[in-house]
């Protein structure tokens, strides 16, 4: 799997020692790419400090798009329900 896209929108500064939680939800899936929505939250206050979009894709040994293995597709939808926040 390769990271194909990572977009982060920073909303508030955090500091060394802050405890953060990364909440991840399924965004989209194609035959060779999976997308995730991520929200980074300051645990002490519950305030959202950043939002991110991450896409990963599957490639073969020649760097051509390859199908995502069925087991990974199943795990994606079981573990990461769509993010409705």
C-alpha atoms as a PDB file:
ATOM      1  CA  UNK A   1       0.000   0.000   0.000  1.00  0.00           C
ATOM      2  CA  UNK A   2       1.208   3.487  -0.875  1.00  0.00           C
ATOM      3  CA  UNK A   3       0.021   6.829   0.432  1.00  0.00           C
ATOM      4  CA  UNK A   4      -1.416   8.550  -2.643  1.00  0.00           C
ATOM      5  CA  UNK A   5      -2.817  11.647  -0.931  1.00  0.00           C
ATOM      6  CA  UNK A   6      -2.601  13.308   2.457  1.00  0.00           C
ATOM      7  CA  UNK A   7      -4.400  16.608   3.040  1.00  0.00           C
ATOM      8  CA  UNK A   8      -4.408  18.146   6.507  1.00  0.00           C
ATOM      9  CA  UNK A   9      -6.312  21.214   7.618  1.00  0.00           C
ATOM     10  CA  UNK A  10      -4.878  22.518  10.884  1.00  0.00           C
ATOM     11  CA  UNK A  11      -7.484  24.279  13.023  1.00  0.00           C
ATOM     12  CA  UNK A  12      -5.666  24.887  16.298  1.00  0.00           C
ATOM     13  CA  UNK A  13      -2.116  24.600  17.586  1.00  0.00           C
ATOM     14  CA  UNK A  14      -1.187  21.811  19.976  1.00  0.00           C
ATOM     15  CA  UNK A  15       1.821  21.578  22.253  1.00  0.00           C
ATOM     16  CA  UNK A  16       4.378  18.988  23.236  1.00  0.00           C
ATOM     17  CA  UNK A  17       2.768  16.818  25.886  1.00  0.00           C
ATOM     18  CA  UNK A  18      -0.828  17.290  24.665  1.00  0.00           C
ATOM     19  CA  UNK A  19      -2.778  14.050  24.404  1.00  0.00           C
ATOM     20  CA  UNK A  20      -4.440  13.676  21.002  1.00  0.00           C
ATOM     21  CA  UNK A  21      -6.903  11.166  19.617  1.00  0.00           C
ATOM     22  CA  UNK A  22      -7.092  10.359  15.910  1.00  0.00           C
ATOM     23  CA  UNK A  23     -10.581   9.297  14.830  1.00  0.00           C
ATOM     24  CA  UNK A  24     -10.634   7.502  11.503  1.00  0.00           C
ATOM     25  CA  UNK A  25     -13.583   6.650   9.267  1.00  0.00           C
ATOM     26  CA  UNK A  26     -14.017   5.113   5.841  1.00  0.00           C
ATOM     27  CA  UNK A  27     -14.519   7.696   3.087  1.00  0.00           C
ATOM     28  CA  UNK A  28     -14.400   5.876  -0.240  1.00  0.00           C
ATOM     29  CA  UNK A  29     -13.143   2.762  -1.944  1.00  0.00           C
ATOM     30  CA  UNK A  30     -12.353   1.830  -5.516  1.00  0.00           C
ATOM     31  CA  UNK A  31     -10.829  -1.310  -6.972  1.00  0.00           C
ATOM     32  CA  UNK A  32      -7.308  -0.188  -6.022  1.00  0.00           C
ATOM     33  CA  UNK A  33      -7.702   2.788  -3.628  1.00  0.00           C
ATOM     34  CA  UNK A  34      -9.095   3.319  -0.120  1.00  0.00           C
ATOM     35  CA  UNK A  35      -9.879   6.707   1.400  1.00  0.00           C
ATOM     36  CA  UNK A  36     -10.046   7.713   5.039  1.00  0.00           C
ATOM     37  CA  UNK A  37     -11.375  10.770   6.852  1.00  0.00           C
ATOM     38  CA  UNK A  38      -9.437  11.579   9.991  1.00  0.00           C
ATOM     39  CA  UNK A  39     -10.215  13.996  12.790  1.00  0.00           C
ATOM     40  CA  UNK A  40      -7.578  14.860  15.390  1.00  0.00           C
ATOM     41  CA  UNK A  41      -9.025  15.836  18.770  1.00  0.00           C
ATOM     42  CA  UNK A  42      -7.408  17.310  21.874  1.00  0.00           C
ATOM     43  CA  UNK A  43      -8.408  14.777  24.538  1.00  0.00           C
ATOM     44  CA  UNK A  44      -8.482  17.252  27.428  1.00  0.00           C
ATOM     45  CA  UNK A  45     -11.132  19.489  25.834  1.00  0.00           C
ATOM     46  CA  UNK A  46     -12.587  17.406  22.994  1.00  0.00           C
ATOM     47  CA  UNK A  47     -11.760  20.248  20.609  1.00  0.00           C
ATOM     48  CA  UNK A  48     -10.997  19.332  16.994  1.00  0.00           C
ATOM     49  CA  UNK A  49      -7.462  20.509  16.192  1.00  0.00           C
ATOM     50  CA  UNK A  50      -7.120  19.113  12.652  1.00  0.00           C
ATOM     51  CA  UNK A  51      -9.031  17.333   9.901  1.00  0.00           C
ATOM     52  CA  UNK A  52      -7.314  15.122   7.348  1.00  0.00           C
ATOM     53  CA  UNK A  53      -8.061  13.124   4.227  1.00  0.00           C
ATOM     54  CA  UNK A  54      -5.803  10.189   3.429  1.00  0.00           C
ATOM     55  CA  UNK A  55      -5.912   7.974   0.335  1.00  0.00           C
ATOM     56  CA  UNK A  56      -3.836   4.822  -0.020  1.00  0.00           C
ATOM     57  CA  UNK A  57      -3.556   2.698  -3.109  1.00  0.00           C
ATOM     58  CA  UNK A  58      -2.474  -0.803  -3.928  1.00  0.00           C
ATOM     59  CA  UNK A  59       0.255  -1.328  -6.530  1.00  0.00           C
ATOM     60  CA  UNK A  60       1.925  -4.372  -8.039  1.00  0.00           C
ATOM     61  CA  UNK A  61       5.680  -4.945  -8.345  1.00  0.00           C
ATOM     62  CA  UNK A  62       5.698  -2.796 -11.521  1.00  0.00           C
ATOM     63  CA  UNK A  63       3.962   0.113  -9.710  1.00  0.00           C
ATOM     64  CA  UNK A  64       0.742  -0.415 -11.702  1.00  0.00           C
ATOM     65  CA  UNK A  65      -2.616  -0.220  -9.891  1.00  0.00           C
ATOM     66  CA  UNK A  66      -3.541  -3.590  -8.404  1.00  0.00           C
ATOM     67  CA  UNK A  67      -6.775  -4.834  -6.826  1.00  0.00           C
ATOM     68  CA  UNK A  68      -7.079  -4.486  -3.091  1.00  0.00           C
ATOM     69  CA  UNK A  69      -7.096  -7.961  -1.486  1.00  0.00           C
ATOM     70  CA  UNK A  70     -10.599  -9.077  -0.447  1.00  0.00           C
ATOM     71  CA  UNK A  71      -9.540  -9.608   3.176  1.00  0.00           C
ATOM     72  CA  UNK A  72      -8.426  -5.995   3.403  1.00  0.00           C
ATOM     73  CA  UNK A  73     -11.653  -4.746   1.838  1.00  0.00           C
ATOM     74  CA  UNK A  74     -13.676  -6.707   4.414  1.00  0.00           C
ATOM     75  CA  UNK A  75     -11.559  -5.429   7.311  1.00  0.00           C
ATOM     76  CA  UNK A  76     -11.867  -1.846   6.023  1.00  0.00           C
ATOM     77  CA  UNK A  77     -15.653  -1.877   6.231  1.00  0.00           C
ATOM     78  CA  UNK A  78     -15.848  -3.864   9.462  1.00  0.00           C
ATOM     79  CA  UNK A  79     -13.378  -1.728  11.413  1.00  0.00           C
ATOM     80  CA  UNK A  80     -14.028   1.678   9.879  1.00  0.00           C
ATOM     81  CA  UNK A  81     -17.681   2.599   9.440  1.00  0.00           C
ATOM     82  CA  UNK A  82     -18.237   5.798   7.460  1.00  0.00           C
ATOM     83  CA  UNK A  83     -17.460   8.928   9.451  1.00  0.00           C
ATOM     84  CA  UNK A  84     -20.667  10.872   9.985  1.00  0.00           C
ATOM     85  CA  UNK A  85     -19.236  13.636  12.178  1.00  0.00           C
END
